[in-house]
Amino acid sequence: MIRLLGITMVGIFATGVLAQQTALPEPNGLTRSTVYPSSALAMPEPAASIPPPSRAYCDTCDEDDAPARLWFQADYLLWFLRSDSLPPLVSVATSNGNGNVYPNGSINHGGFSGVRGTAGMWLDDERTIGIEGGYFWLAPQHQTFGVASLGQVQYQRPVIMLNDGNQIFNFPVSGGGIIGGITTDTKTSLMGAEANILIGGPDVKPDGFDFLVGFRYLDLSERVQINDTSGAIGFGTLSSYDRFTTRNQFYGGQIGTRIRVLFGENWRSDLGIKLALGGLQAEAESAGGTVLQGTNAPPFGVPVGLLTAGTVRGMTQTRTVFMPEVNWALTCRLSEHIRFTAGYNFLYLTEVLRPGGVVDTTVNTTFIPFGPTAGSGIQHRGLRSDFTDLWAQGLNLGLSFEY
């Protein structure tokens, strides 16, 4: 009896436990949810949030190290151009013969001062596409030379006589009782402009590189003029001038790259390499005049000089040329938006037409104004067309404003 009662009590206890652990149906077909301890319901800690990248150029640098979105730079230029070579224009008679006085070698204008402005901007936050434009101008440089004599020294203008076996002849301007003088003036100026589309490199960073493609323009203008005056008391004066001008205009497309390297927090090195290919329009023109002023007669003149009595007074030629350029600059950050820049530029043009390649001192002396004989035989051409190359290089100092 006691054993039967014990078995019955164990069965009731087991049934109650099973009923408590079994989900019972709720009204409307719902099922009672299993109850979990509060510790089991705690949400896991969220992973460290990663902000979406605002730029593709640098995930680790801060805003101040980012490449500028907008920039403007102004530079002072001190450049030097390849000197031009002119034929002898002034000579002097000495006891040992005739010696050249000017030019004694090439024409060197020294340093050219100028200015350059550059402005550009990236069109998107990722710095993948942008625009940039630039302009530079070198102030015209003059070189003036002059000699004069009251009759003691014989200054001359040397020419090569086409009508006499190409012999050198020196037209006297002074000496032997003749008062006279000769002056020469040369002028050179250079300017250029460009417009480019910028393309960000595959991994554009503050110390990365970009590409560019665009348009390039260059204008080289030069002039040389020779003036002479001679006369004697009681016989009047004879004055003449010859002027030769050249202008070279380059139009072409260009490609290039810009490389930036950072040094610490404030220093940066910028290297630019460009190559342009296009057409060069070279123009040359000559002009001259001679005036005879008698003592008791009105002046009489003709529109030709000693070297400009030829058949050709002007010409235009077109050539296909290359124009590479390399520029390097070291920049130092002065404030959040201002940098000081100092650098070097080298520009090269494969062909140009300069006064030294135009002036022709080979003349037919019978065509010289007021000469002793009338013009006869072959008349000289008047202009040559000997092309040469040109380089320009120098230093630049400036300020860059970046935002």
Protein backbone atom coordinates (compact mmCIF):
# COMPACT_ATOMS: atom_id res chain seq x y z
CA MET A 1 0.00 0.00 0.00
CA ILE A 2 2.73 2.39 0.91
CA ARG A 3 4.63 1.48 -2.32
CA LEU A 4 1.56 2.18 -4.45
CA LEU A 5 1.10 5.58 -2.79
CA GLY A 6 4.73 6.51 -3.49
CA ILE A 7 4.51 5.58 -7.15
CA THR A 8 1.33 7.67 -7.49
CA MET A 9 2.99 10.77 -5.94
CA VAL A 10 6.01 10.49 -8.29
CA GLY A 11 3.75 10.29 -11.35
CA ILE A 12 1.78 13.39 -10.34
CA PHE A 13 5.00 15.37 -9.78
CA ALA A 14 6.41 14.34 -13.17
CA THR A 15 3.19 15.24 -14.95
CA GLY A 16 3.21 18.73 -13.41
CA VAL A 17 6.75 19.37 -14.51
CA LEU A 18 6.03 18.30 -18.07
CA ALA A 19 2.93 20.47 -18.21
CA GLN A 20 4.90 23.51 -17.06
CA GLN A 21 7.53 23.05 -19.81
CA THR A 22 5.07 22.39 -22.64
CA ALA A 23 3.67 25.46 -24.54
CA LEU A 24 -0.07 25.60 -24.15
CA PRO A 25 -2.29 26.95 -26.89
CA GLU A 26 -3.57 30.49 -26.35
CA PRO A 27 -6.85 31.83 -27.52
CA ASN A 28 -7.12 32.71 -31.24
CA GLY A 29 -4.45 30.16 -32.12
CA LEU A 30 -1.58 32.01 -30.45
CA THR A 31 1.26 30.19 -28.79
CA ARG A 32 2.79 31.15 -25.49
CA SER A 33 6.36 32.36 -25.96
CA THR A 34 9.21 30.85 -24.10
CA VAL A 35 10.50 33.07 -21.35
CA TYR A 36 14.23 33.85 -21.49
CA PRO A 37 16.33 35.45 -18.81
CA SER A 38 17.02 39.17 -19.25
CA SER A 39 20.70 38.50 -19.88
CA ALA A 40 19.82 36.47 -22.94
CA LEU A 41 17.80 39.38 -24.44
CA ALA A 42 20.65 41.94 -24.29
CA MET A 43 21.61 43.30 -27.76
CA PRO A 44 25.24 42.80 -28.87
CA GLU A 45 27.52 45.83 -28.84
CA PRO A 46 27.49 47.59 -32.29
CA ALA A 47 30.71 47.49 -34.34
CA ALA A 48 32.73 50.70 -34.64
CA SER A 49 30.91 52.91 -37.17
CA ILE A 50 32.80 53.68 -40.42
CA PRO A 51 31.74 57.00 -41.94
CA PRO A 52 31.19 56.97 -45.67
CA PRO A 53 34.22 58.35 -47.48
CA SER A 54 33.66 61.94 -48.52
CA ARG A 55 36.65 61.91 -50.93
CA ALA A 56 38.35 59.26 -52.96
CA TYR A 57 41.79 60.79 -52.69
CA CYS A 58 42.78 60.11 -49.09
CA ASP A 59 41.11 58.01 -46.39
CA THR A 60 43.71 58.82 -43.76
CA CYS A 61 44.51 62.53 -44.21
CA ASP A 62 42.51 65.34 -42.67
CA GLU A 63 40.77 68.21 -44.43
CA ASP A 64 43.78 70.52 -44.27
CA ASP A 65 45.96 68.03 -46.18
CA ALA A 66 43.49 67.57 -49.02
CA PRO A 67 44.33 68.95 -52.47
CA ALA A 68 42.84 72.41 -52.83
CA ARG A 69 39.45 72.63 -54.53
CA LEU A 70 40.11 76.16 -55.84
CA TRP A 71 43.45 77.91 -56.35
CA PHE A 72 45.00 81.06 -57.76
CA GLN A 73 48.72 81.77 -58.12
CA ALA A 74 50.61 84.95 -59.02
CA ASP A 75 54.32 84.81 -59.88
CA TYR A 76 57.14 87.18 -60.62
CA LEU A 77 59.33 85.85 -63.44
CA LEU A 78 63.02 86.37 -64.13
CA TRP A 79 63.67 84.56 -67.40
CA PHE A 80 66.46 84.40 -69.94
CA LEU A 81 66.04 83.77 -73.68
CA ARG A 82 68.44 82.28 -76.15
CA SER A 83 70.31 85.18 -77.77
CA ASP A 84 69.88 86.02 -81.44
CA SER A 85 72.76 86.19 -83.93
CA LEU A 86 72.81 89.16 -86.32
CA PRO A 87 75.24 89.80 -89.18
CA PRO A 88 77.69 92.71 -88.73
CA LEU A 89 75.80 96.00 -88.85
CA VAL A 90 78.49 98.55 -87.84
CA SER A 91 82.21 98.53 -88.63
CA VAL A 92 85.11 100.93 -88.14
CA ALA A 93 88.12 101.67 -90.31
CA THR A 94 91.44 101.21 -88.54
CA SER A 95 95.08 101.21 -89.55
CA ASN A 96 94.88 97.42 -89.72
CA GLY A 97 91.78 97.33 -91.87
CA ASN A 98 88.09 97.24 -91.06
CA GLY A 99 86.84 95.77 -87.82
CA ASN A 100 83.33 94.87 -86.75
CA VAL A 101 81.95 97.03 -83.97
CA TYR A 102 78.38 95.77 -83.59
CA PRO A 103 77.20 93.20 -83.00
CA ASN A 104 80.34 91.57 -81.71
CA GLY A 105 78.76 88.13 -81.51
CA SER A 106 75.16 87.44 -80.51
CA ILE A 107 72.55 89.84 -79.16
CA ASN A 108 72.02 89.12 -75.47
CA HIS A 109 69.22 91.02 -73.78
CA GLY A 110 69.99 89.71 -70.31
CA GLY A 111 67.18 88.91 -67.90
CA PHE A 112 63.51 89.48 -68.74
CA SER A 113 61.16 90.47 -65.93
CA GLY A 114 57.57 89.37 -66.18
CA VAL A 115 54.45 88.12 -64.45
CA ARG A 116 52.38 84.97 -64.59
CA GLY A 117 48.91 84.18 -63.32
CA THR A 118 47.34 80.74 -62.91
CA ALA A 119 43.83 79.84 -61.75
CA GLY A 120 41.99 76.56 -61.56
CA MET A 121 39.46 74.44 -59.73
CA TRP A 122 38.30 70.86 -59.33
CA LEU A 123 34.70 70.43 -60.44
CA ASP A 124 33.85 67.62 -58.01
CA ASP A 125 34.70 66.67 -54.43
CA GLU A 126 36.63 63.60 -55.54
CA ARG A 127 39.05 65.75 -57.60
CA THR A 128 38.55 63.66 -60.73
CA ILE A 129 37.88 66.44 -63.26
CA GLY A 130 38.90 70.09 -63.21
CA ILE A 131 39.88 73.11 -65.26
CA GLU A 132 42.92 75.42 -65.20
CA GLY A 133 44.11 78.43 -67.16
CA GLY A 134 47.31 80.45 -67.20
CA TYR A 135 48.93 83.49 -68.79
CA PHE A 136 52.46 84.89 -68.68
CA TRP A 137 54.06 88.04 -70.05
CA LEU A 138 57.69 89.15 -70.25
CA ALA A 139 58.29 92.88 -70.46
CA PRO A 140 59.94 93.91 -73.75
CA GLN A 141 63.71 94.23 -73.56
CA HIS A 142 65.63 96.77 -75.64
CA GLN A 143 69.29 96.87 -76.48
CA THR A 144 70.53 100.13 -77.97
CA PHE A 145 73.94 100.78 -79.47
CA GLY A 146 75.34 103.94 -81.03
CA VAL A 147 78.54 105.47 -82.39
CA ALA A 148 79.25 108.93 -83.74
CA SER A 149 82.20 110.94 -85.03
CA LEU A 150 82.92 114.56 -85.89
CA GLY A 151 85.03 113.37 -88.79
CA GLN A 152 88.06 111.89 -87.08
CA VAL A 153 86.82 108.25 -87.01
CA GLN A 154 85.33 106.49 -89.99
CA TYR A 155 82.31 104.43 -88.99
CA GLN A 156 80.75 102.30 -91.69
CA ARG A 157 77.85 100.02 -92.58
CA PRO A 158 79.19 96.76 -94.04
CA VAL A 159 77.40 95.00 -96.91
CA ILE A 160 78.15 92.16 -99.31
CA MET A 161 77.99 93.34 -102.91
CA LEU A 162 75.90 91.00 -105.00
CA ASN A 163 76.92 92.83 -108.18
CA ASP A 164 80.68 92.58 -107.50
CA GLY A 165 81.54 88.99 -106.67
CA ASN A 166 80.12 89.11 -103.14
CA GLN A 167 82.93 91.37 -101.96
CA ILE A 168 82.52 93.15 -98.64
CA PHE A 169 82.06 96.87 -98.95
CA ASN A 170 81.84 99.35 -96.08
CA PHE A 171 79.67 102.39 -96.69
CA PRO A 172 81.25 105.26 -94.78
CA VAL A 173 78.96 107.25 -92.50
CA SER A 174 81.64 109.41 -90.90
CA GLY A 175 85.36 110.20 -91.28
CA GLY A 176 87.39 112.15 -93.78
CA GLY A 177 85.66 115.38 -92.87
CA ILE A 178 82.18 113.77 -92.82
CA ILE A 179 80.22 114.07 -89.59
CA GLY A 180 77.95 111.16 -88.86
CA GLY A 181 76.79 108.38 -86.64
CA ILE A 182 75.00 105.04 -86.52
CA THR A 183 72.51 103.72 -83.96
CA THR A 184 70.88 100.32 -83.64
CA ASP A 185 67.95 99.22 -81.52
CA THR A 186 66.75 95.66 -80.89
CA LYS A 187 63.58 94.66 -79.09
CA THR A 188 62.27 91.28 -77.91
CA SER A 189 59.06 90.34 -76.09
CA LEU A 190 57.44 87.02 -75.21
CA MET A 191 54.00 86.07 -73.92
CA GLY A 192 51.88 82.93 -73.72
CA ALA A 193 48.62 81.44 -72.51
CA GLU A 194 47.07 78.03 -71.95
CA ALA A 195 43.74 76.40 -71.02
CA ASN A 196 43.62 72.84 -69.70
CA ILE A 197 41.26 70.15 -68.51
CA LEU A 198 42.59 68.36 -65.42
CA ILE A 199 42.08 64.64 -64.89
CA GLY A 200 42.75 63.15 -61.47
CA GLY A 201 45.15 60.23 -61.27
CA PRO A 202 44.06 56.70 -60.33
CA ASP A 203 44.73 57.41 -56.64
CA VAL A 204 44.54 61.16 -56.26
CA LYS A 205 46.25 62.15 -53.01
CA PRO A 206 47.87 65.28 -51.61
CA ASP A 207 51.14 63.72 -52.73
CA GLY A 208 49.82 62.16 -55.93
CA PHE A 209 49.68 63.18 -59.57
CA ASP A 210 47.21 64.50 -62.15
CA PHE A 211 46.97 64.53 -65.92
CA LEU A 212 46.09 67.45 -68.18
CA VAL A 213 45.07 68.00 -71.79
CA GLY A 214 44.48 71.39 -73.34
CA PHE A 215 45.41 74.23 -75.68
CA ARG A 216 48.63 76.27 -75.80
CA TYR A 217 49.50 79.67 -77.32
CA LEU A 218 52.86 81.47 -77.55
CA ASP A 219 53.79 84.82 -79.11
CA LEU A 220 57.40 85.89 -79.74
CA SER A 221 57.81 89.38 -81.26
CA GLU A 222 61.17 90.92 -82.17
CA ARG A 223 62.55 93.91 -84.04
CA VAL A 224 65.88 95.35 -85.12
CA GLN A 225 66.36 98.84 -86.56
CA ILE A 226 69.49 100.54 -87.93
CA ASN A 227 69.67 104.32 -88.33
CA ASP A 228 72.49 106.34 -89.84
CA THR A 229 73.04 110.01 -90.57
CA SER A 230 75.99 111.66 -92.29
CA GLY A 231 76.74 115.09 -93.66
CA ALA A 232 79.20 117.85 -94.12
CA ILE A 233 78.99 121.55 -93.45
CA GLY A 234 77.58 123.27 -96.49
CA PHE A 235 76.47 120.05 -98.21
CA GLY A 236 73.41 118.95 -96.24
CA THR A 237 72.72 115.54 -94.69
CA LEU A 238 71.78 112.06 -95.80
CA SER A 239 69.78 109.91 -93.38
CA SER A 240 68.46 106.39 -93.74
CA TYR A 241 66.99 103.57 -91.69
CA ASP A 242 66.28 99.85 -92.07
CA ARG A 243 63.82 98.02 -89.86
CA PHE A 244 63.18 94.26 -89.67
CA THR A 245 60.40 92.75 -87.57
CA THR A 246 59.47 89.14 -86.90
CA ARG A 247 56.53 87.57 -85.11
CA ASN A 248 56.12 83.88 -84.26
CA GLN A 249 52.72 82.66 -83.07
CA PHE A 250 52.28 79.08 -81.89
CA TYR A 251 48.86 77.39 -81.67
CA GLY A 252 48.62 73.79 -80.56
CA GLY A 253 47.31 71.11 -78.28
CA GLN A 254 49.19 69.83 -75.27
CA ILE A 255 49.25 66.97 -72.79
CA GLY A 256 51.05 66.75 -69.50
CA THR A 257 51.20 65.64 -65.89
CA ARG A 258 51.67 67.26 -62.48
CA ILE A 259 53.35 65.43 -59.61
CA ARG A 260 53.12 66.52 -55.95
CA VAL A 261 55.34 65.32 -53.11
CA LEU A 262 54.78 66.37 -49.48
CA PHE A 263 57.59 67.07 -46.99
CA GLY A 264 56.25 67.28 -43.48
CA GLU A 265 53.29 69.47 -42.71
CA ASN A 266 54.20 72.66 -44.58
CA TRP A 267 56.45 71.82 -47.54
CA ARG A 268 55.49 70.49 -50.94
CA SER A 269 57.34 69.87 -54.21
CA ASP A 270 55.42 70.34 -57.48
CA LEU A 271 56.73 69.06 -60.81
CA GLY A 272 54.95 69.75 -64.10
CA ILE A 273 55.81 68.25 -67.50
CA LYS A 274 54.02 69.33 -70.68
CA LEU A 275 54.39 68.61 -74.38
CA ALA A 276 52.64 70.70 -77.03
CA LEU A 277 52.39 70.02 -80.75
CA GLY A 278 50.96 72.48 -83.22
CA GLY A 279 51.44 75.02 -85.96
CA LEU A 280 53.83 77.97 -85.96
CA GLN A 281 52.94 81.01 -88.04
CA ALA A 282 56.12 82.98 -88.67
CA GLU A 283 55.86 86.48 -90.12
CA ALA A 284 58.70 88.75 -91.26
CA GLU A 285 58.58 92.27 -92.61
CA SER A 286 61.08 94.92 -93.62
CA ALA A 287 60.76 98.67 -93.99
CA GLY A 288 63.20 101.44 -94.74
CA GLY A 289 63.65 104.97 -95.89
CA THR A 290 66.27 107.45 -97.06
CA VAL A 291 66.02 111.23 -96.90
CA LEU A 292 68.35 113.72 -98.56
CA GLN A 293 68.30 117.15 -96.96
CA GLY A 294 70.09 119.80 -98.97
CA THR A 295 71.21 123.14 -97.63
CA ASN A 296 69.05 125.19 -99.99
CA ALA A 297 66.47 122.61 -101.06
CA PRO A 298 63.50 120.85 -99.49
CA PRO A 299 64.09 117.30 -98.24
CA PHE A 300 63.58 114.48 -100.69
CA GLY A 301 63.06 110.88 -99.64
CA VAL A 302 62.43 107.37 -100.93
CA PRO A 303 60.85 104.42 -98.99
CA VAL A 304 63.94 102.17 -99.07
CA GLY A 305 67.10 101.96 -97.02
CA LEU A 306 70.51 100.45 -97.48
CA LEU A 307 69.34 96.90 -96.74
CA THR A 308 65.67 97.16 -97.70
CA ALA A 309 65.88 97.82 -101.43
CA GLY A 310 65.18 94.15 -102.22
CA THR A 311 62.28 92.51 -103.98
CA VAL A 312 60.75 90.93 -100.85
CA ARG A 313 59.39 93.22 -98.12
CA GLY A 314 57.29 90.71 -96.21
CA MET A 315 56.54 86.99 -95.92
CA THR A 316 54.60 84.43 -93.87
CA GLN A 317 55.56 80.80 -93.37
CA THR A 318 53.91 77.96 -91.41
CA ARG A 319 55.74 75.13 -89.70
CA THR A 320 54.76 72.18 -87.48
CA VAL A 321 56.74 72.40 -84.26
CA PHE A 322 57.04 70.85 -80.79
CA MET A 323 57.05 72.82 -77.56
CA PRO A 324 57.99 70.91 -74.38
CA GLU A 325 58.02 72.59 -70.98
CA VAL A 326 59.23 71.57 -67.53
CA ASN A 327 58.48 73.53 -64.38
CA TRP A 328 59.36 72.77 -60.78
CA ALA A 329 58.39 74.62 -57.63
CA LEU A 330 58.95 74.27 -53.90
CA THR A 331 56.05 75.60 -51.85
CA CYS A 332 55.82 76.47 -48.17
CA ARG A 333 52.55 76.88 -46.33
CA LEU A 334 52.35 80.30 -44.66
CA SER A 335 48.78 80.00 -43.44
CA GLU A 336 45.72 77.88 -43.95
CA HIS A 337 45.12 79.24 -47.47
CA ILE A 338 48.41 80.87 -48.54
CA ARG A 339 51.60 79.25 -49.82
CA PHE A 340 54.90 80.82 -50.88
CA THR A 341 56.35 79.32 -54.08
CA ALA A 342 59.81 79.40 -55.62
CA GLY A 343 60.68 77.47 -58.75
CA TYR A 344 62.33 77.05 -62.13
CA ASN A 345 60.93 76.90 -65.68
CA PHE A 346 62.34 75.63 -68.95
CA LEU A 347 60.50 76.16 -72.24
CA TYR A 348 61.69 75.03 -75.67
CA LEU A 349 60.42 75.64 -79.20
CA THR A 350 61.90 73.58 -82.02
CA GLU A 351 61.66 76.31 -84.70
CA VAL A 352 61.22 80.09 -84.81
CA LEU A 353 62.11 82.87 -87.24
CA ARG A 354 64.14 85.64 -85.61
CA PRO A 355 65.67 88.89 -86.98
CA GLY A 356 69.07 87.22 -87.22
CA GLY A 357 67.57 84.80 -89.71
CA VAL A 358 65.88 87.55 -91.71
CA VAL A 359 68.35 90.44 -92.10
CA ASP A 360 70.16 90.17 -95.43
CA THR A 361 73.28 92.29 -95.87
CA THR A 362 73.83 91.02 -99.42
CA VAL A 363 72.76 93.88 -101.68
CA ASN A 364 73.12 95.15 -105.20
CA THR A 365 74.79 98.49 -104.59
CA THR A 366 73.41 99.94 -107.83
CA PHE A 367 69.93 99.91 -106.24
CA ILE A 368 71.00 101.87 -103.16
CA PRO A 369 69.12 105.18 -102.90
CA PHE A 370 71.05 108.16 -104.23
CA GLY A 371 73.87 105.84 -105.32
CA PRO A 372 76.36 106.84 -107.99
CA THR A 373 74.77 104.55 -110.61
CA ALA A 374 71.27 103.53 -111.59
CA GLY A 375 70.00 100.10 -110.59
CA SER A 376 71.04 97.32 -112.90
CA GLY A 377 71.59 93.57 -112.77
CA ILE A 378 70.13 91.16 -110.23
CA GLN A 379 68.27 92.79 -107.37
CA HIS A 380 68.78 91.11 -104.02
CA ARG A 381 65.96 89.29 -102.28
CA GLY A 382 65.82 91.53 -99.23
CA LEU A 383 64.71 88.94 -96.64
CA ARG A 384 66.13 85.59 -95.62
CA SER A 385 64.19 82.82 -93.88
CA ASP A 386 66.67 80.91 -91.72
CA PHE A 387 64.82 79.24 -88.84
CA THR A 388 66.41 78.37 -85.52
CA ASP A 389 65.28 76.98 -82.18
CA LEU A 390 64.40 78.94 -79.06
CA TRP A 391 64.68 78.25 -75.36
CA ALA A 392 63.49 80.31 -72.42
CA GLN A 393 64.36 79.50 -68.83
CA GLY A 394 64.38 81.22 -65.50
CA LEU A 395 63.18 81.56 -61.93
CA ASN A 396 59.79 82.39 -60.47
CA LEU A 397 58.69 83.63 -57.06
CA GLY A 398 55.07 83.95 -56.04
CA LEU A 399 52.13 83.34 -53.76
CA SER A 400 49.48 80.68 -54.11
CA PHE A 401 45.99 81.04 -52.62
CA GLU A 402 44.26 77.69 -52.07
CA TYR A 403 40.78 76.89 -50.82
